[in-house]
Amino acid sequence: MNMDWIKVFVAAFFEVFWVIGLKHADGFWEWSGTIISIFISFYLMIAAGRKIPVGTVYAVFVGLGTVGTVFSEIVFFGEAFKLSKILLILILLTGVIGLKLVTDEKVKEGVES
């Protein structure tokens, strides 16, 4: 796995924090952490999109963020555990892994965007 994919995974990790922050933040420090997480998340996603196809980056970013957010809501915030929800998340995760496996990782030479 190259550095660009690591950027996508880290961006998705921070996405979980800012999505949770949008729902649960109510003070200065929580909102500050949410804003910092948004910045880090989008910066890394945009940086990865310079070398990996943007559609793939976005799909993996959103898919992993969704999985992380649902998992966090169940584990940390008492969201109801539903087997149907978990099965659908697993289908989504399978698609995300499939996109990563079929994406050409050649670095494109030429003009920087």
PDB file of N, CA and C in Angstrom:
ATOM      1  N   MET A   1       0.853  -1.172   0.000  1.00  0.00           N
ATOM      2  CA  MET A   1       0.000   0.000   0.000  1.00  0.00           C
ATOM      3  C   MET A   1       0.903   1.240   0.000  1.00  0.00           C
ATOM      4  N   ASN A   2       0.578   2.168  -0.888  1.00  0.00           N
ATOM      5  CA  ASN A   2       1.421   3.350  -0.950  1.00  0.00           C
ATOM      6  C   ASN A   2       0.899   4.453  -0.031  1.00  0.00           C
ATOM      7  N   MET A   3       1.658   5.534   0.049  1.00  0.00           N
ATOM      8  CA  MET A   3       1.363   6.626   0.964  1.00  0.00           C
ATOM      9  C   MET A   3       0.020   7.303   0.662  1.00  0.00           C
ATOM     10  N   ASP A   4      -0.375   7.340  -0.605  1.00  0.00           N
ATOM     11  CA  ASP A   4      -1.642   7.982  -0.956  1.00  0.00           C
ATOM     12  C   ASP A   4      -2.833   7.241  -0.369  1.00  0.00           C
ATOM     13  N   TRP A   5      -2.779   5.915  -0.355  1.00  0.00           N
ATOM     14  CA  TRP A   5      -3.869   5.149   0.259  1.00  0.00           C
ATOM     15  C   TRP A   5      -3.881   5.345   1.768  1.00  0.00           C
ATOM     16  N   ILE A   6      -2.717   5.463   2.366  1.00  0.00           N
ATOM     17  CA  ILE A   6      -2.659   5.733   3.805  1.00  0.00           C
ATOM     18  C   ILE A   6      -3.329   7.069   4.112  1.00  0.00           C
ATOM     19  N   LYS A   7      -3.133   8.071   3.234  1.00  0.00           N
ATOM     20  CA  LYS A   7      -3.797   9.365   3.404  1.00  0.00           C
ATOM     21  C   LYS A   7      -5.311   9.207   3.381  1.00  0.00           C
ATOM     22  N   VAL A   8      -5.818   8.363   2.501  1.00  0.00           N
ATOM     23  CA  VAL A   8      -7.263   8.136   2.422  1.00  0.00           C
ATOM     24  C   VAL A   8      -7.766   7.506   3.724  1.00  0.00           C
ATOM     25  N   PHE A   9      -7.054   6.515   4.241  1.00  0.00           N
ATOM     26  CA  PHE A   9      -7.478   5.844   5.470  1.00  0.00           C
ATOM     27  C   PHE A   9      -7.427   6.783   6.675  1.00  0.00           C
ATOM     28  N   VAL A  10      -6.390   7.606   6.759  1.00  0.00           N
ATOM     29  CA  VAL A  10      -6.291   8.567   7.863  1.00  0.00           C
ATOM     30  C   VAL A  10      -7.387   9.628   7.731  1.00  0.00           C
ATOM     31  N   ALA A  11      -7.651  10.062   6.498  1.00  0.00           N
ATOM     32  CA  ALA A  11      -8.724  11.035   6.265  1.00  0.00           C
ATOM     33  C   ALA A  11     -10.062  10.467   6.715  1.00  0.00           C
ATOM     34  N   ALA A  12     -10.323   9.210   6.421  1.00  0.00           N
ATOM     35  CA  ALA A  12     -11.573   8.571   6.845  1.00  0.00           C
ATOM     36  C   ALA A  12     -11.635   8.447   8.366  1.00  0.00           C
ATOM     37  N   PHE A  13     -10.496   8.193   8.990  1.00  0.00           N
ATOM     38  CA  PHE A  13     -10.428   8.118  10.454  1.00  0.00           C
ATOM     39  C   PHE A  13     -10.857   9.457  11.064  1.00  0.00           C
ATOM     40  N   PHE A  14     -10.339  10.560  10.526  1.00  0.00           N
ATOM     41  CA  PHE A  14     -10.709  11.876  11.035  1.00  0.00           C
ATOM     42  C   PHE A  14     -12.145  12.241  10.662  1.00  0.00           C
ATOM     43  N   GLU A  15     -12.642  11.679   9.563  1.00  0.00           N
ATOM     44  CA  GLU A  15     -14.038  11.918   9.199  1.00  0.00           C
ATOM     45  C   GLU A  15     -14.975  11.428  10.296  1.00  0.00           C
ATOM     46  N   VAL A  16     -14.654  10.301  10.883  1.00  0.00           N
ATOM     47  CA  VAL A  16     -15.482   9.761  11.955  1.00  0.00           C
ATOM     48  C   VAL A  16     -15.568  10.773  13.099  1.00  0.00           C
ATOM     49  N   PHE A  17     -14.438  11.392  13.443  1.00  0.00           N
ATOM     50  CA  PHE A  17     -14.430  12.362  14.537  1.00  0.00           C
ATOM     51  C   PHE A  17     -15.276  13.589  14.225  1.00  0.00           C
ATOM     52  N   TRP A  18     -15.149  14.110  12.987  1.00  0.00           N
ATOM     53  CA  TRP A  18     -15.924  15.323  12.726  1.00  0.00           C
ATOM     54  C   TRP A  18     -17.409  15.038  12.557  1.00  0.00           C
ATOM     55  N   VAL A  19     -17.769  13.880  12.044  1.00  0.00           N
ATOM     56  CA  VAL A  19     -19.189  13.546  11.934  1.00  0.00           C
ATOM     57  C   VAL A  19     -19.800  13.395  13.332  1.00  0.00           C
ATOM     58  N   ILE A  20     -19.099  12.719  14.221  1.00  0.00           N
ATOM     59  CA  ILE A  20     -19.574  12.598  15.597  1.00  0.00           C
ATOM     60  C   ILE A  20     -19.611  13.973  16.258  1.00  0.00           C
ATOM     61  N   GLY A  21     -18.605  14.796  15.970  1.00  0.00           N
ATOM     62  CA  GLY A  21     -18.566  16.142  16.528  1.00  0.00           C
ATOM     63  C   GLY A  21     -19.736  16.991  16.088  1.00  0.00           C
ATOM     64  N   LEU A  22     -20.163  16.840  14.836  1.00  0.00           N
ATOM     65  CA  LEU A  22     -21.301  17.614  14.362  1.00  0.00           C
ATOM     66  C   LEU A  22     -22.567  17.288  15.157  1.00  0.00           C
ATOM     67  N   LYS A  23     -22.666  16.063  15.628  1.00  0.00           N
ATOM     68  CA  LYS A  23     -23.854  15.661  16.390  1.00  0.00           C
ATOM     69  C   LYS A  23     -23.720  15.952  17.886  1.00  0.00           C
ATOM     70  N   HIS A  24     -22.530  15.748  18.440  1.00  0.00           N
ATOM     71  CA  HIS A  24     -22.391  15.750  19.887  1.00  0.00           C
ATOM     72  C   HIS A  24     -21.648  16.955  20.469  1.00  0.00           C
ATOM     73  N   ALA A  25     -21.012  17.771  19.670  1.00  0.00           N
ATOM     74  CA  ALA A  25     -20.248  18.902  20.204  1.00  0.00           C
ATOM     75  C   ALA A  25     -21.184  19.972  20.748  1.00  0.00           C
ATOM     76  N   ASP A  26     -20.843  20.481  21.925  1.00  0.00           N
ATOM     77  CA  ASP A  26     -21.658  21.558  22.489  1.00  0.00           C
ATOM     78  C   ASP A  26     -20.821  22.630  23.188  1.00  0.00           C
ATOM     79  N   GLY A  27     -19.525  22.491  23.173  1.00  0.00           N
ATOM     80  CA  GLY A  27     -18.659  23.488  23.801  1.00  0.00           C
ATOM     81  C   GLY A  27     -17.540  23.907  22.862  1.00  0.00           C
ATOM     82  N   PHE A  28     -16.779  24.879  23.304  1.00  0.00           N
ATOM     83  CA  PHE A  28     -15.694  25.425  22.482  1.00  0.00           C
ATOM     84  C   PHE A  28     -14.688  24.352  22.067  1.00  0.00           C
ATOM     85  N   TRP A  29     -14.238  23.547  23.008  1.00  0.00           N
ATOM     86  CA  TRP A  29     -13.193  22.561  22.701  1.00  0.00           C
ATOM     87  C   TRP A  29     -13.708  21.455  21.784  1.00  0.00           C
ATOM     88  N   GLU A  30     -14.954  21.035  21.974  1.00  0.00           N
ATOM     89  CA  GLU A  30     -15.516  20.018  21.087  1.00  0.00           C
ATOM     90  C   GLU A  30     -15.654  20.550  19.664  1.00  0.00           C
ATOM     91  N   TRP A  31     -16.133  21.796  19.535  1.00  0.00           N
ATOM     92  CA  TRP A  31     -16.256  22.383  18.195  1.00  0.00           C
ATOM     93  C   TRP A  31     -14.893  22.644  17.564  1.00  0.00           C
ATOM     94  N   SER A  32     -13.910  23.016  18.389  1.00  0.00           N
ATOM     95  CA  SER A  32     -12.555  23.210  17.861  1.00  0.00           C
ATOM     96  C   SER A  32     -12.000  21.903  17.312  1.00  0.00           C
ATOM     97  N   GLY A  33     -12.190  20.816  18.066  1.00  0.00           N
ATOM     98  CA  GLY A  33     -11.744  19.504  17.596  1.00  0.00           C
ATOM     99  C   GLY A  33     -12.469  19.077  16.336  1.00  0.00           C
ATOM    100  N   THR A  34     -13.747  19.390  16.246  1.00  0.00           N
ATOM    101  CA  THR A  34     -14.529  19.056  15.054  1.00  0.00           C
ATOM    102  C   THR A  34     -13.990  19.805  13.841  1.00  0.00           C
ATOM    103  N   ILE A  35     -13.725  21.093  13.980  1.00  0.00           N
ATOM    104  CA  ILE A  35     -13.215  21.900  12.866  1.00  0.00           C
ATOM    105  C   ILE A  35     -11.825  21.439  12.445  1.00  0.00           C
ATOM    106  N   ILE A  36     -10.974  21.133  13.416  1.00  0.00           N
ATOM    107  CA  ILE A  36      -9.626  20.625  13.089  1.00  0.00           C
ATOM    108  C   ILE A  36      -9.734  19.287  12.367  1.00  0.00           C
ATOM    109  N   SER A  37     -10.642  18.424  12.812  1.00  0.00           N
ATOM    110  CA  SER A  37     -10.834  17.129  12.150  1.00  0.00           C
ATOM    111  C   SER A  37     -11.331  17.297  10.718  1.00  0.00           C
ATOM    112  N   ILE A  38     -12.226  18.252  10.483  1.00  0.00           N
ATOM    113  CA  ILE A  38     -12.696  18.530   9.122  1.00  0.00           C
ATOM    114  C   ILE A  38     -11.523  18.956   8.247  1.00  0.00           C
ATOM    115  N   PHE A  39     -10.707  19.860   8.751  1.00  0.00           N
ATOM    116  CA  PHE A  39      -9.561  20.347   7.979  1.00  0.00           C
ATOM    117  C   PHE A  39      -8.597  19.213   7.628  1.00  0.00           C
ATOM    118  N   ILE A  40      -8.202  18.429   8.620  1.00  0.00           N
ATOM    119  CA  ILE A  40      -7.265  17.319   8.383  1.00  0.00           C
ATOM    120  C   ILE A  40      -7.862  16.314   7.407  1.00  0.00           C
ATOM    121  N   SER A  41      -9.117  15.969   7.616  1.00  0.00           N
ATOM    122  CA  SER A  41      -9.785  14.979   6.790  1.00  0.00           C
ATOM    123  C   SER A  41      -9.812  15.400   5.318  1.00  0.00           C
ATOM    124  N   PHE A  42     -10.276  16.618   5.061  1.00  0.00           N
ATOM    125  CA  PHE A  42     -10.381  17.060   3.678  1.00  0.00           C
ATOM    126  C   PHE A  42      -9.020  17.335   3.055  1.00  0.00           C
ATOM    127  N   TYR A  43      -8.071  17.830   3.833  1.00  0.00           N
ATOM    128  CA  TYR A  43      -6.725  18.058   3.305  1.00  0.00           C
ATOM    129  C   TYR A  43      -6.114  16.741   2.811  1.00  0.00           C
ATOM    130  N   LEU A  44      -6.216  15.707   3.621  1.00  0.00           N
ATOM    131  CA  LEU A  44      -5.647  14.414   3.234  1.00  0.00           C
ATOM    132  C   LEU A  44      -6.397  13.790   2.058  1.00  0.00           C
ATOM    133  N   MET A  45      -7.717  13.953   2.039  1.00  0.00           N
ATOM    134  CA  MET A  45      -8.497  13.404   0.926  1.00  0.00           C
ATOM    135  C   MET A  45      -8.109  14.112  -0.385  1.00  0.00           C
ATOM    136  N   ILE A  46      -7.981  15.421  -0.356  1.00  0.00           N
ATOM    137  CA  ILE A  46      -7.589  16.169  -1.555  1.00  0.00           C
ATOM    138  C   ILE A  46      -6.177  15.807  -1.991  1.00  0.00           C
ATOM    139  N   ALA A  47      -5.271  15.651  -1.023  1.00  0.00           N
ATOM    140  CA  ALA A  47      -3.889  15.279  -1.353  1.00  0.00           C
ATOM    141  C   ALA A  47      -3.836  13.899  -2.012  1.00  0.00           C
ATOM    142  N   ALA A  48      -4.623  12.954  -1.514  1.00  0.00           N
ATOM    143  CA  ALA A  48      -4.648  11.611  -2.098  1.00  0.00           C
ATOM    144  C   ALA A  48      -5.260  11.645  -3.490  1.00  0.00           C
ATOM    145  N   GLY A  49      -6.213  12.539  -3.719  1.00  0.00           N
ATOM    146  CA  GLY A  49      -6.872  12.648  -5.019  1.00  0.00           C
ATOM    147  C   GLY A  49      -5.976  13.156  -6.124  1.00  0.00           C
ATOM    148  N   ARG A  50      -4.812  13.650  -5.771  1.00  0.00           N
ATOM    149  CA  ARG A  50      -3.856  14.090  -6.799  1.00  0.00           C
ATOM    150  C   ARG A  50      -3.194  12.914  -7.501  1.00  0.00           C
ATOM    151  N   LYS A  51      -3.146  11.759  -6.840  1.00  0.00           N
ATOM    152  CA  LYS A  51      -2.479  10.591  -7.421  1.00  0.00           C
ATOM    153  C   LYS A  51      -3.417   9.424  -7.678  1.00  0.00           C
ATOM    154  N   ILE A  52      -4.507   9.333  -6.933  1.00  0.00           N
ATOM    155  CA  ILE A  52      -5.479   8.252  -7.078  1.00  0.00           C
ATOM    156  C   ILE A  52      -6.724   8.875  -7.708  1.00  0.00           C
ATOM    157  N   PRO A  53      -7.454   8.151  -8.555  1.00  0.00           N
ATOM    158  CA  PRO A  53      -8.675   8.718  -9.144  1.00  0.00           C
ATOM    159  C   PRO A  53      -9.622   9.269  -8.068  1.00  0.00           C
ATOM    160  N   VAL A  54     -10.093  10.475  -8.299  1.00  0.00           N
ATOM    161  CA  VAL A  54     -10.894  11.192  -7.301  1.00  0.00           C
ATOM    162  C   VAL A  54     -12.166  10.430  -6.933  1.00  0.00           C
ATOM    163  N   GLY A  55     -12.832   9.832  -7.900  1.00  0.00           N
ATOM    164  CA  GLY A  55     -14.044   9.075  -7.613  1.00  0.00           C
ATOM    165  C   GLY A  55     -13.779   7.927  -6.660  1.00  0.00           C
ATOM    166  N   THR A  56     -12.669   7.241  -6.852  1.00  0.00           N
ATOM    167  CA  THR A  56     -12.303   6.134  -5.976  1.00  0.00           C
ATOM    168  C   THR A  56     -11.949   6.640  -4.590  1.00  0.00           C
ATOM    169  N   VAL A  57     -11.173   7.723  -4.532  1.00  0.00           N
ATOM    170  CA  VAL A  57     -10.802   8.300  -3.238  1.00  0.00           C
ATOM    171  C   VAL A  57     -12.054   8.671  -2.448  1.00  0.00           C
ATOM    172  N   TYR A  58     -12.976   9.339  -3.107  1.00  0.00           N
ATOM    173  CA  TYR A  58     -14.185   9.781  -2.417  1.00  0.00           C
ATOM    174  C   TYR A  58     -15.039   8.603  -1.957  1.00  0.00           C
ATOM    175  N   ALA A  59     -15.187   7.604  -2.809  1.00  0.00           N
ATOM    176  CA  ALA A  59     -15.994   6.436  -2.444  1.00  0.00           C
ATOM    177  C   ALA A  59     -15.388   5.692  -1.254  1.00  0.00           C
ATOM    178  N   VAL A  60     -14.090   5.503  -1.260  1.00  0.00           N
ATOM    179  CA  VAL A  60     -13.424   4.818  -0.149  1.00  0.00           C
ATOM    180  C   VAL A  60     -13.511   5.669   1.118  1.00  0.00           C
ATOM    181  N   PHE A  61     -13.274   6.973   0.983  1.00  0.00           N
ATOM    182  CA  PHE A  61     -13.350   7.909   2.105  1.00  0.00           C
ATOM    183  C   PHE A  61     -14.726   7.859   2.772  1.00  0.00           C
ATOM    184  N   VAL A  62     -15.759   7.990   1.979  1.00  0.00           N
ATOM    185  CA  VAL A  62     -17.118   7.998   2.525  1.00  0.00           C
ATOM    186  C   VAL A  62     -17.496   6.617   3.068  1.00  0.00           C
ATOM    187  N   GLY A  63     -17.124   5.566   2.365  1.00  0.00           N
ATOM    188  CA  GLY A  63     -17.445   4.213   2.825  1.00  0.00           C
ATOM    189  C   GLY A  63     -16.800   3.894   4.160  1.00  0.00           C
ATOM    190  N   LEU A  64     -15.510   4.170   4.284  1.00  0.00           N
ATOM    191  CA  LEU A  64     -14.822   3.895   5.547  1.00  0.00           C
ATOM    192  C   LEU A  64     -15.328   4.811   6.658  1.00  0.00           C
ATOM    193  N   GLY A  65     -15.612   6.057   6.312  1.00  0.00           N
ATOM    194  CA  GLY A  65     -16.167   6.974   7.302  1.00  0.00           C
ATOM    195  C   GLY A  65     -17.521   6.508   7.809  1.00  0.00           C
ATOM    196  N   THR A  66     -18.335   5.994   6.914  1.00  0.00           N
ATOM    197  CA  THR A  66     -19.650   5.476   7.300  1.00  0.00           C
ATOM    198  C   THR A  66     -19.508   4.279   8.230  1.00  0.00           C
ATOM    199  N   VAL A  67     -18.641   3.362   7.872  1.00  0.00           N
ATOM    200  CA  VAL A  67     -18.408   2.180   8.712  1.00  0.00           C
ATOM    201  C   VAL A  67     -17.923   2.613  10.092  1.00  0.00           C
ATOM    202  N   GLY A  68     -16.955   3.513  10.128  1.00  0.00           N
ATOM    203  CA  GLY A  68     -16.417   3.976  11.413  1.00  0.00           C
ATOM    204  C   GLY A  68     -17.442   4.709  12.251  1.00  0.00           C
ATOM    205  N   THR A  69     -18.259   5.522  11.607  1.00  0.00           N
ATOM    206  CA  THR A  69     -19.268   6.282  12.334  1.00  0.00           C
ATOM    207  C   THR A  69     -20.343   5.365  12.912  1.00  0.00           C
ATOM    208  N   VAL A  70     -20.825   4.426  12.123  1.00  0.00           N
ATOM    209  CA  VAL A  70     -21.844   3.491  12.619  1.00  0.00           C
ATOM    210  C   VAL A  70     -21.277   2.654  13.767  1.00  0.00           C
ATOM    211  N   PHE A  71     -20.063   2.155  13.603  1.00  0.00           N
ATOM    212  CA  PHE A  71     -19.420   1.364  14.654  1.00  0.00           C
ATOM    213  C   PHE A  71     -19.270   2.194  15.933  1.00  0.00           C
ATOM    214  N   SER A  72     -18.818   3.437  15.802  1.00  0.00           N
ATOM    215  CA  SER A  72     -18.632   4.309  16.966  1.00  0.00           C
ATOM    216  C   SER A  72     -19.949   4.610  17.657  1.00  0.00           C
ATOM    217  N   GLU A  73     -20.988   4.849  16.883  1.00  0.00           N
ATOM    218  CA  GLU A  73     -22.298   5.131  17.470  1.00  0.00           C
ATOM    219  C   GLU A  73     -22.810   3.928  18.267  1.00  0.00           C
ATOM    220  N   ILE A  74     -22.581   2.726  17.762  1.00  0.00           N
ATOM    221  CA  ILE A  74     -23.025   1.525  18.472  1.00  0.00           C
ATOM    222  C   ILE A  74     -22.203   1.310  19.739  1.00  0.00           C
ATOM    223  N   VAL A  75     -20.881   1.417  19.627  1.00  0.00           N
ATOM    224  CA  VAL A  75     -19.994   1.109  20.749  1.00  0.00           C
ATOM    225  C   VAL A  75     -19.994   2.206  21.815  1.00  0.00           C
ATOM    226  N   PHE A  76     -19.912   3.474  21.398  1.00  0.00           N
ATOM    227  CA  PHE A  76     -19.705   4.552  22.364  1.00  0.00           C
ATOM    228  C   PHE A  76     -20.963   5.339  22.738  1.00  0.00           C
ATOM    229  N   PHE A  77     -21.993   5.312  21.899  1.00  0.00           N
ATOM    230  CA  PHE A  77     -23.140   6.174  22.155  1.00  0.00           C
ATOM    231  C   PHE A  77     -24.463   5.414  22.299  1.00  0.00           C
ATOM    232  N   GLY A  78     -24.400   4.093  22.408  1.00  0.00           N
ATOM    233  CA  GLY A  78     -25.586   3.314  22.718  1.00  0.00           C
ATOM    234  C   GLY A  78     -26.607   3.171  21.598  1.00  0.00           C
ATOM    235  N   GLU A  79     -26.183   3.381  20.360  1.00  0.00           N
ATOM    236  CA  GLU A  79     -27.088   3.168  19.220  1.00  0.00           C
ATOM    237  C   GLU A  79     -27.481   1.689  19.188  1.00  0.00           C
ATOM    238  N   ALA A  80     -28.707   1.424  18.797  1.00  0.00           N
ATOM    239  CA  ALA A  80     -29.195   0.044  18.759  1.00  0.00           C
ATOM    240  C   ALA A  80     -28.409  -0.793  17.747  1.00  0.00           C
ATOM    241  N   PHE A  81     -28.079  -2.009  18.157  1.00  0.00           N
ATOM    242  CA  PHE A  81     -27.389  -2.957  17.278  1.00  0.00           C
ATOM    243  C   PHE A  81     -28.445  -3.710  16.490  1.00  0.00           C
ATOM    244  N   LYS A  82     -28.386  -3.567  15.167  1.00  0.00           N
ATOM    245  CA  LYS A  82     -29.324  -4.288  14.302  1.00  0.00           C
ATOM    246  C   LYS A  82     -28.512  -5.113  13.311  1.00  0.00           C
ATOM    247  N   LEU A  83     -28.854  -6.389  13.209  1.00  0.00           N
ATOM    248  CA  LEU A  83     -28.138  -7.272  12.301  1.00  0.00           C
ATOM    249  C   LEU A  83     -28.237  -6.777  10.863  1.00  0.00           C
ATOM    250  N   SER A  84     -29.403  -6.284  10.469  1.00  0.00           N
ATOM    251  CA  SER A  84     -29.571  -5.799   9.091  1.00  0.00           C
ATOM    252  C   SER A  84     -28.634  -4.628   8.808  1.00  0.00           C
ATOM    253  N   LYS A  85     -28.444  -3.739   9.776  1.00  0.00           N
ATOM    254  CA  LYS A  85     -27.538  -2.606   9.603  1.00  0.00           C
ATOM    255  C   LYS A  85     -26.096  -3.089   9.433  1.00  0.00           C
ATOM    256  N   ILE A  86     -25.701  -4.062  10.239  1.00  0.00           N
ATOM    257  CA  ILE A  86     -24.335  -4.598  10.165  1.00  0.00           C
ATOM    258  C   ILE A  86     -24.113  -5.299   8.822  1.00  0.00           C
ATOM    259  N   LEU A  87     -25.087  -6.058   8.359  1.00  0.00           N
ATOM    260  CA  LEU A  87     -24.950  -6.735   7.062  1.00  0.00           C
ATOM    261  C   LEU A  87     -24.808  -5.723   5.921  1.00  0.00           C
ATOM    262  N   LEU A  88     -25.584  -4.660   5.968  1.00  0.00           N
ATOM    263  CA  LEU A  88     -25.481  -3.632   4.925  1.00  0.00           C
ATOM    264  C   LEU A  88     -24.145  -2.906   4.990  1.00  0.00           C
ATOM    265  N   ILE A  89     -23.633  -2.668   6.189  1.00  0.00           N
ATOM    266  CA  ILE A  89     -22.319  -2.051   6.344  1.00  0.00           C
ATOM    267  C   ILE A  89     -21.238  -2.981   5.790  1.00  0.00           C
ATOM    268  N   LEU A  90     -21.374  -4.283   6.008  1.00  0.00           N
ATOM    269  CA  LEU A  90     -20.403  -5.232   5.465  1.00  0.00           C
ATOM    270  C   LEU A  90     -20.432  -5.252   3.933  1.00  0.00           C
ATOM    271  N   ILE A  91     -21.614  -5.115   3.356  1.00  0.00           N
ATOM    272  CA  ILE A  91     -21.716  -5.031   1.895  1.00  0.00           C
ATOM    273  C   ILE A  91     -21.011  -3.765   1.403  1.00  0.00           C
ATOM    274  N   LEU A  92     -21.229  -2.657   2.092  1.00  0.00           N
ATOM    275  CA  LEU A  92     -20.563  -1.402   1.742  1.00  0.00           C
ATOM    276  C   LEU A  92     -19.050  -1.541   1.843  1.00  0.00           C
ATOM    277  N   LEU A  93     -18.583  -2.145   2.924  1.00  0.00           N
ATOM    278  CA  LEU A  93     -17.148  -2.340   3.118  1.00  0.00           C
ATOM    279  C   LEU A  93     -16.556  -3.240   2.040  1.00  0.00           C
ATOM    280  N   THR A  94     -17.301  -4.243   1.606  1.00  0.00           N
ATOM    281  CA  THR A  94     -16.851  -5.111   0.508  1.00  0.00           C
ATOM    282  C   THR A  94     -16.664  -4.300  -0.772  1.00  0.00           C
ATOM    283  N   GLY A  95     -17.584  -3.390  -1.046  1.00  0.00           N
ATOM    284  CA  GLY A  95     -17.448  -2.521  -2.218  1.00  0.00           C
ATOM    285  C   GLY A  95     -16.240  -1.611  -2.119  1.00  0.00           C
ATOM    286  N   VAL A  96     -15.983  -1.077  -0.942  1.00  0.00           N
ATOM    287  CA  VAL A  96     -14.829  -0.201  -0.735  1.00  0.00           C
ATOM    288  C   VAL A  96     -13.534  -0.970  -0.967  1.00  0.00           C
ATOM    289  N   ILE A  97     -13.439  -2.168  -0.422  1.00  0.00           N
ATOM    290  CA  ILE A  97     -12.243  -2.996  -0.622  1.00  0.00           C
ATOM    291  C   ILE A  97     -12.100  -3.353  -2.097  1.00  0.00           C
ATOM    292  N   GLY A  98     -13.206  -3.663  -2.750  1.00  0.00           N
ATOM    293  CA  GLY A  98     -13.170  -3.965  -4.180  1.00  0.00           C
ATOM    294  C   GLY A  98     -12.660  -2.789  -4.999  1.00  0.00           C
ATOM    295  N   LEU A  99     -13.104  -1.581  -4.684  1.00  0.00           N
ATOM    296  CA  LEU A  99     -12.611  -0.394  -5.397  1.00  0.00           C
ATOM    297  C   LEU A  99     -11.111  -0.228  -5.222  1.00  0.00           C
ATOM    298  N   LYS A 100     -10.623  -0.444  -4.018  1.00  0.00           N
ATOM    299  CA  LYS A 100      -9.191  -0.315  -3.787  1.00  0.00           C
ATOM    300  C   LYS A 100      -8.414  -1.357  -4.577  1.00  0.00           C
ATOM    301  N   LEU A 101      -8.941  -2.558  -4.650  1.00  0.00           N
ATOM    302  CA  LEU A 101      -8.235  -3.632  -5.348  1.00  0.00           C
ATOM    303  C   LEU A 101      -8.186  -3.437  -6.861  1.00  0.00           C
ATOM    304  N   VAL A 102      -9.216  -2.828  -7.429  1.00  0.00           N
ATOM    305  CA  VAL A 102      -9.240  -2.689  -8.881  1.00  0.00           C
ATOM    306  C   VAL A 102      -8.709  -1.349  -9.376  1.00  0.00           C
ATOM    307  N   THR A 103      -8.342  -0.451  -8.468  1.00  0.00           N
ATOM    308  CA  THR A 103      -7.842   0.854  -8.883  1.00  0.00           C
ATOM    309  C   THR A 103      -6.379   0.766  -9.255  1.00  0.00           C
ATOM    310  N   ASP A 104      -6.069   1.288 -10.426  1.00  0.00           N
ATOM    311  CA  ASP A 104      -4.699   1.331 -10.912  1.00  0.00           C
ATOM    312  C   ASP A 104      -3.913   2.323 -10.072  1.00  0.00           C
ATOM    313  N   GLU A 105      -2.785   1.895  -9.511  1.00  0.00           N
ATOM    314  CA  GLU A 105      -2.008   2.748  -8.617  1.00  0.00           C
ATOM    315  C   GLU A 105      -0.819   3.390  -9.315  1.00  0.00           C
ATOM    316  N   LYS A 106      -0.822   3.462 -10.631  1.00  0.00           N
ATOM    317  CA  LYS A 106       0.276   4.113 -11.325  1.00  0.00           C
ATOM    318  C   LYS A 106       0.247   5.604 -11.032  1.00  0.00           C
ATOM    319  N   VAL A 107       1.413   6.148 -10.750  1.00  0.00           N
ATOM    320  CA  VAL A 107       1.518   7.585 -10.533  1.00  0.00           C
ATOM    321  C   VAL A 107       1.540   8.260 -11.886  1.00  0.00           C
ATOM    322  N   LYS A 108       0.638   9.216 -12.063  1.00  0.00           N
ATOM    323  CA  LYS A 108       0.557   9.927 -13.336  1.00  0.00           C
ATOM    324  C   LYS A 108       1.575  11.051 -13.356  1.00  0.00           C
ATOM    325  N   GLU A 109       2.371  11.090 -14.398  1.00  0.00           N
ATOM    326  CA  GLU A 109       3.343  12.153 -14.581  1.00  0.00           C
ATOM    327  C   GLU A 109       2.706  13.285 -15.353  1.00  0.00           C
ATOM    328  N   GLY A 110       3.128  14.470 -15.091  1.00  0.00           N
ATOM    329  CA  GLY A 110       2.602  15.591 -15.867  1.00  0.00           C
ATOM    330  C   GLY A 110       2.304  16.778 -14.994  1.00  0.00           C
ATOM    331  N   VAL A 111       1.375  17.561 -15.438  1.00  0.00           N
ATOM    332  CA  VAL A 111       1.038  18.792 -14.762  1.00  0.00           C
ATOM    333  C   VAL A 111       0.349  18.502 -13.441  1.00  0.00           C
ATOM    334  N   GLU A 112       0.818  19.169 -12.378  1.00  0.00           N
ATOM    335  CA  GLU A 112       0.165  19.038 -11.078  1.00  0.00           C
ATOM    336  C   GLU A 112      -1.153  19.789 -11.118  1.00  0.00           C
ATOM    337  N   SER A 113      -2.168  19.238 -10.483  1.00  0.00           N
ATOM    338  CA  SER A 113      -3.455  19.938 -10.465  1.00  0.00           C
ATOM    339  C   SER A 113      -3.567  20.845  -9.278  1.00  0.00           C
TER     340      SER A 113
END
